[in-house]
Amino acid sequence: MDKEGRRIYDWVALSFVDGLGKISYRTLIRKFGSPGRVFQASIKDLEGVEGLRPKVIKGIKGFNQAARVENELALMRKHQVTLVT
């Protein structure tokens, strides 16, 4: 996967984290700068994000929905959808 593909993958993946709502999503992006950096963050750093529940932290650190993300990316390519971030 090239750099741009990985960037898009990370944006979609973060949106699939169980229990992560719009406000926490935005808070994480503001704090860490990108979805990739959110996934790279330590548990301790994630615990320092105000309002982020343990379930969401567990969902980020144990993210296991790669097949779902790949399916979404395939649909995006099929329908020529561009991700706007």
N, C-alpha and C. Protein backbone atom coordinates (compact mmCIF):
# COMPACT_ATOMS: atom_id res chain seq x y z
N MET A 1 0.86 -1.17 0.00
CA MET A 1 0.00 0.00 0.00
C MET A 1 0.91 1.24 0.00
N ASP A 2 0.63 2.17 -0.89
CA ASP A 2 1.43 3.39 -0.93
C ASP A 2 1.02 4.33 0.20
N LYS A 3 1.77 5.42 0.33
CA LYS A 3 1.55 6.35 1.44
C LYS A 3 0.14 6.94 1.43
N GLU A 4 -0.35 7.34 0.27
CA GLU A 4 -1.69 7.91 0.17
C GLU A 4 -2.76 6.86 0.48
N GLY A 5 -2.54 5.65 0.00
CA GLY A 5 -3.48 4.56 0.29
C GLY A 5 -3.54 4.28 1.78
N ARG A 6 -2.39 4.32 2.44
CA ARG A 6 -2.35 4.09 3.88
C ARG A 6 -3.08 5.20 4.63
N ARG A 7 -2.89 6.44 4.16
CA ARG A 7 -3.55 7.58 4.80
C ARG A 7 -5.07 7.42 4.72
N ILE A 8 -5.57 7.06 3.55
CA ILE A 8 -7.02 6.87 3.37
C ILE A 8 -7.50 5.69 4.21
N TYR A 9 -6.73 4.61 4.22
CA TYR A 9 -7.07 3.44 5.03
C TYR A 9 -7.25 3.86 6.50
N ASP A 10 -6.31 4.63 7.01
CA ASP A 10 -6.36 5.04 8.42
C ASP A 10 -7.59 5.90 8.72
N TRP A 11 -7.94 6.80 7.81
CA TRP A 11 -9.13 7.64 8.03
C TRP A 11 -10.39 6.77 8.12
N VAL A 12 -10.50 5.82 7.18
CA VAL A 12 -11.67 4.93 7.19
C VAL A 12 -11.65 4.04 8.43
N ALA A 13 -10.48 3.49 8.74
CA ALA A 13 -10.37 2.59 9.89
C ALA A 13 -10.78 3.29 11.18
N LEU A 14 -10.32 4.51 11.38
CA LEU A 14 -10.68 5.22 12.61
C LEU A 14 -12.19 5.42 12.70
N SER A 15 -12.82 5.63 11.57
CA SER A 15 -14.28 5.82 11.60
C SER A 15 -15.02 4.54 11.97
N PHE A 16 -14.35 3.39 11.88
CA PHE A 16 -14.97 2.10 12.21
C PHE A 16 -14.68 1.63 13.64
N VAL A 17 -13.96 2.42 14.42
CA VAL A 17 -13.67 2.02 15.80
C VAL A 17 -14.98 2.04 16.60
N ASP A 18 -15.30 0.91 17.20
CA ASP A 18 -16.54 0.79 17.97
C ASP A 18 -16.60 1.82 19.10
N GLY A 19 -17.71 2.52 19.17
CA GLY A 19 -17.95 3.47 20.26
C GLY A 19 -17.36 4.85 20.05
N LEU A 20 -16.63 5.05 18.95
CA LEU A 20 -16.01 6.34 18.71
C LEU A 20 -16.99 7.25 17.98
N GLY A 21 -17.42 8.31 18.66
CA GLY A 21 -18.36 9.25 18.07
C GLY A 21 -17.66 10.41 17.40
N LYS A 22 -18.45 11.29 16.81
CA LYS A 22 -17.91 12.42 16.06
C LYS A 22 -17.05 13.35 16.90
N ILE A 23 -17.49 13.62 18.11
CA ILE A 23 -16.74 14.56 18.96
C ILE A 23 -15.39 13.97 19.35
N SER A 24 -15.38 12.72 19.78
CA SER A 24 -14.11 12.09 20.16
C SER A 24 -13.21 11.90 18.95
N TYR A 25 -13.79 11.60 17.80
CA TYR A 25 -13.02 11.47 16.55
C TYR A 25 -12.28 12.77 16.28
N ARG A 26 -13.02 13.85 16.33
CA ARG A 26 -12.44 15.18 16.07
C ARG A 26 -11.38 15.53 17.12
N THR A 27 -11.66 15.21 18.37
CA THR A 27 -10.70 15.47 19.45
C THR A 27 -9.40 14.71 19.21
N LEU A 28 -9.50 13.45 18.82
CA LEU A 28 -8.31 12.65 18.55
C LEU A 28 -7.48 13.22 17.40
N ILE A 29 -8.16 13.65 16.34
CA ILE A 29 -7.44 14.22 15.19
C ILE A 29 -6.75 15.51 15.60
N ARG A 30 -7.42 16.32 16.37
CA ARG A 30 -6.80 17.57 16.83
C ARG A 30 -5.58 17.30 17.71
N LYS A 31 -5.69 16.32 18.58
CA LYS A 31 -4.59 16.02 19.51
C LYS A 31 -3.40 15.36 18.81
N PHE A 32 -3.67 14.38 17.95
CA PHE A 32 -2.59 13.59 17.36
C PHE A 32 -2.24 13.98 15.93
N GLY A 33 -3.11 14.72 15.25
CA GLY A 33 -2.78 15.23 13.92
C GLY A 33 -3.25 14.39 12.76
N SER A 34 -3.43 13.10 12.96
CA SER A 34 -3.88 12.22 11.87
C SER A 34 -4.37 10.90 12.46
N PRO A 35 -5.20 10.19 11.72
CA PRO A 35 -5.64 8.87 12.20
C PRO A 35 -4.47 7.90 12.39
N GLY A 36 -3.49 7.97 11.51
CA GLY A 36 -2.33 7.09 11.66
C GLY A 36 -1.63 7.30 12.99
N ARG A 37 -1.51 8.54 13.38
CA ARG A 37 -0.87 8.84 14.67
C ARG A 37 -1.75 8.43 15.84
N VAL A 38 -3.07 8.45 15.65
CA VAL A 38 -3.97 7.97 16.70
C VAL A 38 -3.70 6.48 16.93
N PHE A 39 -3.61 5.72 15.85
CA PHE A 39 -3.36 4.28 15.98
C PHE A 39 -1.97 4.00 16.56
N GLN A 40 -1.02 4.88 16.35
CA GLN A 40 0.34 4.71 16.87
C GLN A 40 0.47 5.18 18.32
N ALA A 41 -0.49 5.93 18.80
CA ALA A 41 -0.41 6.49 20.16
C ALA A 41 -0.38 5.38 21.20
N SER A 42 0.29 5.67 22.29
CA SER A 42 0.33 4.70 23.39
C SER A 42 -1.00 4.72 24.14
N ILE A 43 -1.22 3.67 24.88
CA ILE A 43 -2.42 3.61 25.72
C ILE A 43 -2.42 4.79 26.69
N LYS A 44 -1.27 5.07 27.26
CA LYS A 44 -1.16 6.19 28.20
C LYS A 44 -1.56 7.51 27.55
N ASP A 45 -1.09 7.74 26.31
CA ASP A 45 -1.46 8.98 25.61
C ASP A 45 -2.95 9.02 25.32
N LEU A 46 -3.52 7.89 24.94
CA LEU A 46 -4.96 7.84 24.66
C LEU A 46 -5.76 8.06 25.94
N GLU A 47 -5.28 7.51 27.05
CA GLU A 47 -5.97 7.71 28.33
C GLU A 47 -5.96 9.17 28.74
N GLY A 48 -5.02 9.93 28.23
CA GLY A 48 -4.95 11.36 28.53
C GLY A 48 -5.90 12.22 27.74
N VAL A 49 -6.65 11.61 26.82
CA VAL A 49 -7.62 12.36 26.02
C VAL A 49 -8.92 12.44 26.80
N GLU A 50 -9.29 13.65 27.14
CA GLU A 50 -10.50 13.86 27.95
C GLU A 50 -11.73 13.29 27.26
N GLY A 51 -12.49 12.51 28.01
CA GLY A 51 -13.75 11.97 27.51
C GLY A 51 -13.63 10.68 26.72
N LEU A 52 -12.42 10.21 26.48
CA LEU A 52 -12.24 8.98 25.70
C LEU A 52 -12.42 7.78 26.62
N ARG A 53 -13.43 6.99 26.33
CA ARG A 53 -13.77 5.84 27.19
C ARG A 53 -12.80 4.67 26.99
N PRO A 54 -12.61 3.86 28.02
CA PRO A 54 -11.73 2.70 27.91
C PRO A 54 -12.10 1.77 26.75
N LYS A 55 -13.39 1.63 26.48
CA LYS A 55 -13.84 0.77 25.37
C LYS A 55 -13.29 1.28 24.04
N VAL A 56 -13.26 2.58 23.87
CA VAL A 56 -12.76 3.16 22.62
C VAL A 56 -11.25 2.98 22.53
N ILE A 57 -10.56 3.19 23.63
CA ILE A 57 -9.11 2.98 23.63
C ILE A 57 -8.79 1.54 23.25
N LYS A 58 -9.53 0.61 23.82
CA LYS A 58 -9.34 -0.80 23.50
C LYS A 58 -9.62 -1.05 22.01
N GLY A 59 -10.65 -0.38 21.47
CA GLY A 59 -10.98 -0.53 20.05
C GLY A 59 -9.90 0.02 19.13
N ILE A 60 -9.25 1.09 19.57
CA ILE A 60 -8.16 1.67 18.78
C ILE A 60 -6.94 0.76 18.82
N LYS A 61 -6.54 0.37 20.01
CA LYS A 61 -5.31 -0.42 20.17
C LYS A 61 -5.47 -1.85 19.65
N GLY A 62 -6.68 -2.37 19.68
CA GLY A 62 -6.91 -3.74 19.22
C GLY A 62 -7.69 -3.79 17.92
N PHE A 63 -7.56 -2.74 17.11
CA PHE A 63 -8.37 -2.65 15.89
C PHE A 63 -8.22 -3.92 15.05
N ASN A 64 -9.35 -4.54 14.74
CA ASN A 64 -9.32 -5.81 14.00
C ASN A 64 -10.39 -5.87 12.91
N GLN A 65 -10.66 -4.73 12.31
CA GLN A 65 -11.69 -4.70 11.27
C GLN A 65 -11.09 -4.40 9.90
N ALA A 66 -9.89 -4.94 9.65
CA ALA A 66 -9.20 -4.68 8.39
C ALA A 66 -10.05 -5.10 7.19
N ALA A 67 -10.71 -6.23 7.29
CA ALA A 67 -11.53 -6.71 6.17
C ALA A 67 -12.66 -5.72 5.86
N ARG A 68 -13.25 -5.18 6.90
CA ARG A 68 -14.32 -4.19 6.72
C ARG A 68 -13.78 -2.93 6.03
N VAL A 69 -12.60 -2.49 6.45
CA VAL A 69 -11.98 -1.31 5.84
C VAL A 69 -11.67 -1.59 4.38
N GLU A 70 -11.07 -2.75 4.10
CA GLU A 70 -10.74 -3.11 2.71
C GLU A 70 -11.98 -3.16 1.84
N ASN A 71 -13.08 -3.69 2.39
CA ASN A 71 -14.34 -3.73 1.65
C ASN A 71 -14.83 -2.32 1.33
N GLU A 72 -14.75 -1.43 2.31
CA GLU A 72 -15.18 -0.05 2.10
C GLU A 72 -14.31 0.64 1.05
N LEU A 73 -13.01 0.41 1.11
CA LEU A 73 -12.11 1.00 0.12
C LEU A 73 -12.39 0.47 -1.28
N ALA A 74 -12.71 -0.82 -1.39
CA ALA A 74 -13.06 -1.41 -2.69
C ALA A 74 -14.33 -0.77 -3.24
N LEU A 75 -15.31 -0.55 -2.37
CA LEU A 75 -16.55 0.13 -2.80
C LEU A 75 -16.27 1.56 -3.24
N MET A 76 -15.38 2.23 -2.54
CA MET A 76 -15.02 3.60 -2.91
C MET A 76 -14.38 3.63 -4.30
N ARG A 77 -13.47 2.68 -4.55
CA ARG A 77 -12.83 2.62 -5.88
C ARG A 77 -13.85 2.30 -6.96
N LYS A 78 -14.71 1.32 -6.68
CA LYS A 78 -15.71 0.89 -7.66
C LYS A 78 -16.62 2.04 -8.06
N HIS A 79 -17.00 2.86 -7.10
CA HIS A 79 -17.93 3.95 -7.36
C HIS A 79 -17.23 5.30 -7.51
N GLN A 80 -15.91 5.24 -7.64
CA GLN A 80 -15.09 6.43 -7.87
C GLN A 80 -15.35 7.53 -6.82
N VAL A 81 -15.38 7.09 -5.56
CA VAL A 81 -15.60 8.01 -4.45
C VAL A 81 -14.24 8.49 -3.95
N THR A 82 -14.14 9.78 -3.71
CA THR A 82 -12.94 10.37 -3.16
C THR A 82 -13.21 10.74 -1.71
N LEU A 83 -12.28 10.36 -0.85
CA LEU A 83 -12.41 10.69 0.57
C LEU A 83 -11.99 12.13 0.79
N VAL A 84 -12.84 12.89 1.45
CA VAL A 84 -12.52 14.27 1.80
C VAL A 84 -12.24 14.31 3.29
N THR A 85 -11.08 14.82 3.67
CA THR A 85 -10.71 14.85 5.09
C THR A 85 -10.64 16.27 5.60
